N, C-alpha and C. Protein backbone atom coordinates (compact mmCIF):
# COMPACT_ATOMS: atom_id res chain seq x y z
N UNK A 1 -6.51 -1.84 -7.96
CA UNK A 1 -5.24 -1.17 -7.97
C UNK A 1 -4.18 -2.13 -7.48
N UNK A 2 -2.94 -1.77 -7.73
CA UNK A 2 -1.82 -2.61 -7.31
C UNK A 2 -0.78 -1.75 -6.61
N UNK A 3 -0.85 -1.66 -5.26
CA UNK A 3 0.18 -0.90 -4.56
C UNK A 3 1.45 -1.72 -4.38
N UNK A 4 2.59 -1.05 -4.43
CA UNK A 4 3.89 -1.67 -4.15
C UNK A 4 4.55 -0.78 -3.10
N UNK A 5 4.91 -1.36 -1.98
CA UNK A 5 5.49 -0.61 -0.88
C UNK A 5 6.95 -1.02 -0.69
N UNK A 6 7.82 -0.02 -0.55
CA UNK A 6 9.24 -0.26 -0.28
C UNK A 6 9.89 -1.17 -1.31
N UNK A 7 9.64 -0.89 -2.58
CA UNK A 7 10.21 -1.67 -3.68
C UNK A 7 9.79 -3.13 -3.66
N UNK A 8 8.64 -3.42 -3.03
CA UNK A 8 8.13 -4.78 -2.99
C UNK A 8 7.37 -5.12 -4.26
N UNK A 9 6.92 -6.32 -4.36
CA UNK A 9 6.15 -6.78 -5.50
C UNK A 9 4.73 -6.21 -5.40
N UNK A 10 4.20 -5.62 -6.47
CA UNK A 10 2.83 -5.12 -6.42
C UNK A 10 1.85 -6.25 -6.13
N UNK A 11 0.86 -5.96 -5.30
CA UNK A 11 -0.17 -6.95 -5.03
C UNK A 11 -1.52 -6.33 -5.35
N UNK A 12 -2.42 -7.12 -5.90
CA UNK A 12 -3.73 -6.62 -6.29
C UNK A 12 -4.59 -6.43 -5.05
N UNK A 13 -5.23 -5.24 -4.96
CA UNK A 13 -6.12 -4.92 -3.86
C UNK A 13 -7.45 -4.49 -4.47
N UNK A 14 -8.54 -5.08 -4.02
CA UNK A 14 -9.86 -4.74 -4.54
C UNK A 14 -10.25 -3.33 -4.13
N UNK A 15 -10.93 -2.62 -5.02
CA UNK A 15 -11.45 -1.27 -4.73
C UNK A 15 -12.88 -1.41 -4.23
N UNK A 16 -13.05 -2.03 -3.07
CA UNK A 16 -14.39 -2.30 -2.56
C UNK A 16 -14.67 -1.60 -1.23
N UNK A 17 -13.78 -0.70 -0.81
CA UNK A 17 -13.99 0.04 0.43
C UNK A 17 -13.58 -0.71 1.68
N UNK A 18 -13.10 -1.92 1.56
CA UNK A 18 -12.67 -2.70 2.71
C UNK A 18 -11.19 -2.42 2.98
N UNK A 19 -10.86 -2.00 4.22
CA UNK A 19 -9.44 -1.72 4.54
C UNK A 19 -8.56 -2.95 4.38
N UNK A 20 -7.34 -2.73 4.00
CA UNK A 20 -6.35 -3.80 3.90
C UNK A 20 -5.09 -3.36 4.64
N UNK A 21 -4.31 -4.28 5.09
CA UNK A 21 -3.09 -3.93 5.83
C UNK A 21 -1.89 -4.62 5.20
N UNK A 22 -0.75 -4.04 5.46
CA UNK A 22 0.50 -4.65 5.01
C UNK A 22 1.57 -4.30 6.03
N UNK A 23 2.18 -5.30 6.61
CA UNK A 23 3.24 -5.10 7.61
C UNK A 23 4.58 -4.99 6.89
N UNK A 24 5.36 -4.00 7.29
CA UNK A 24 6.67 -3.79 6.69
C UNK A 24 7.70 -3.80 7.82
N UNK A 25 8.56 -4.77 7.79
CA UNK A 25 9.61 -4.84 8.80
C UNK A 25 10.90 -4.28 8.22
N UNK A 26 11.67 -3.61 9.07
CA UNK A 26 12.95 -3.02 8.68
C UNK A 26 12.76 -2.03 7.53
N UNK A 27 11.77 -1.14 7.68
CA UNK A 27 11.48 -0.15 6.64
C UNK A 27 12.64 0.84 6.51
N UNK A 28 12.89 1.31 5.30
CA UNK A 28 13.92 2.32 5.11
C UNK A 28 13.46 3.66 5.68
N UNK A 29 14.37 4.62 5.79
CA UNK A 29 14.04 5.94 6.31
C UNK A 29 12.97 6.60 5.45
N UNK A 30 13.11 6.48 4.15
CA UNK A 30 12.09 6.97 3.22
C UNK A 30 11.36 5.75 2.67
N UNK A 31 10.04 5.77 2.78
CA UNK A 31 9.24 4.61 2.39
C UNK A 31 8.47 4.92 1.10
N UNK A 32 8.97 4.43 -0.04
CA UNK A 32 8.26 4.69 -1.30
C UNK A 32 6.98 3.85 -1.40
N UNK A 33 5.92 4.48 -1.90
CA UNK A 33 4.65 3.79 -2.14
C UNK A 33 4.25 4.10 -3.58
N UNK A 34 4.19 3.10 -4.42
CA UNK A 34 3.82 3.26 -5.82
C UNK A 34 2.47 2.59 -6.08
N UNK A 35 1.62 3.27 -6.84
CA UNK A 35 0.29 2.74 -7.16
C UNK A 35 0.19 2.54 -8.67
N UNK A 36 -0.29 1.37 -9.09
CA UNK A 36 -0.58 1.10 -10.48
C UNK A 36 -2.07 0.87 -10.60
N UNK A 37 -2.73 1.70 -11.42
CA UNK A 37 -4.17 1.54 -11.57
C UNK A 37 -4.47 0.30 -12.41
N UNK A 38 -5.65 -0.24 -12.19
CA UNK A 38 -6.12 -1.36 -12.99
C UNK A 38 -7.44 -0.94 -13.65
N UNK A 39 -7.77 -1.50 -14.79
CA UNK A 39 -9.00 -1.12 -15.48
C UNK A 39 -10.22 -1.25 -14.56
N UNK A 40 -11.06 -0.21 -14.55
CA UNK A 40 -12.27 -0.23 -13.73
C UNK A 40 -12.09 0.27 -12.32
N UNK A 41 -10.87 0.65 -11.95
CA UNK A 41 -10.64 1.16 -10.59
C UNK A 41 -11.30 2.51 -10.42
N UNK A 42 -11.95 2.69 -9.29
CA UNK A 42 -12.56 3.98 -8.95
C UNK A 42 -12.34 4.23 -7.46
N UNK A 43 -12.49 5.47 -7.06
CA UNK A 43 -12.38 5.78 -5.63
C UNK A 43 -11.07 6.45 -5.31
N UNK A 44 -10.63 6.27 -4.06
CA UNK A 44 -9.41 6.91 -3.61
C UNK A 44 -8.61 5.98 -2.72
N UNK A 45 -7.38 6.40 -2.45
CA UNK A 45 -6.48 5.62 -1.61
C UNK A 45 -6.10 6.48 -0.41
N UNK A 46 -6.07 5.89 0.77
CA UNK A 46 -5.63 6.59 1.98
C UNK A 46 -4.64 5.68 2.71
N UNK A 47 -3.70 6.31 3.40
CA UNK A 47 -2.68 5.55 4.11
C UNK A 47 -2.71 5.93 5.57
N UNK A 48 -2.54 4.96 6.44
CA UNK A 48 -2.34 5.21 7.87
C UNK A 48 -1.06 4.48 8.24
N UNK A 49 -0.04 5.24 8.59
CA UNK A 49 1.25 4.66 8.92
C UNK A 49 1.42 4.66 10.43
N UNK A 50 1.84 3.54 10.96
CA UNK A 50 2.06 3.42 12.40
C UNK A 50 3.46 2.88 12.63
N UNK A 51 4.10 3.35 13.65
CA UNK A 51 5.43 2.89 13.99
C UNK A 51 5.39 2.27 15.38
N UNK A 52 5.99 1.12 15.49
CA UNK A 52 6.06 0.43 16.77
C UNK A 52 7.52 0.50 17.23
N UNK A 53 7.79 1.12 18.40
CA UNK A 53 9.17 1.20 18.88
C UNK A 53 9.78 -0.19 19.10
N UNK A 54 11.05 -0.29 18.84
CA UNK A 54 11.72 -1.59 19.06
C UNK A 54 12.62 -1.51 20.26
């Protein structure tokens, strides 16, 4: 799959069950997350969002 966060460039992420992270600095109030499937993708996507006070 290829997630794109906050209008960023989609990056390929393997569907192998291994967690991946992406740091977003200066995130907008509403954070869009778009997913583009790739051939052979199976499974599901889960998000854990954390906020660090500044």
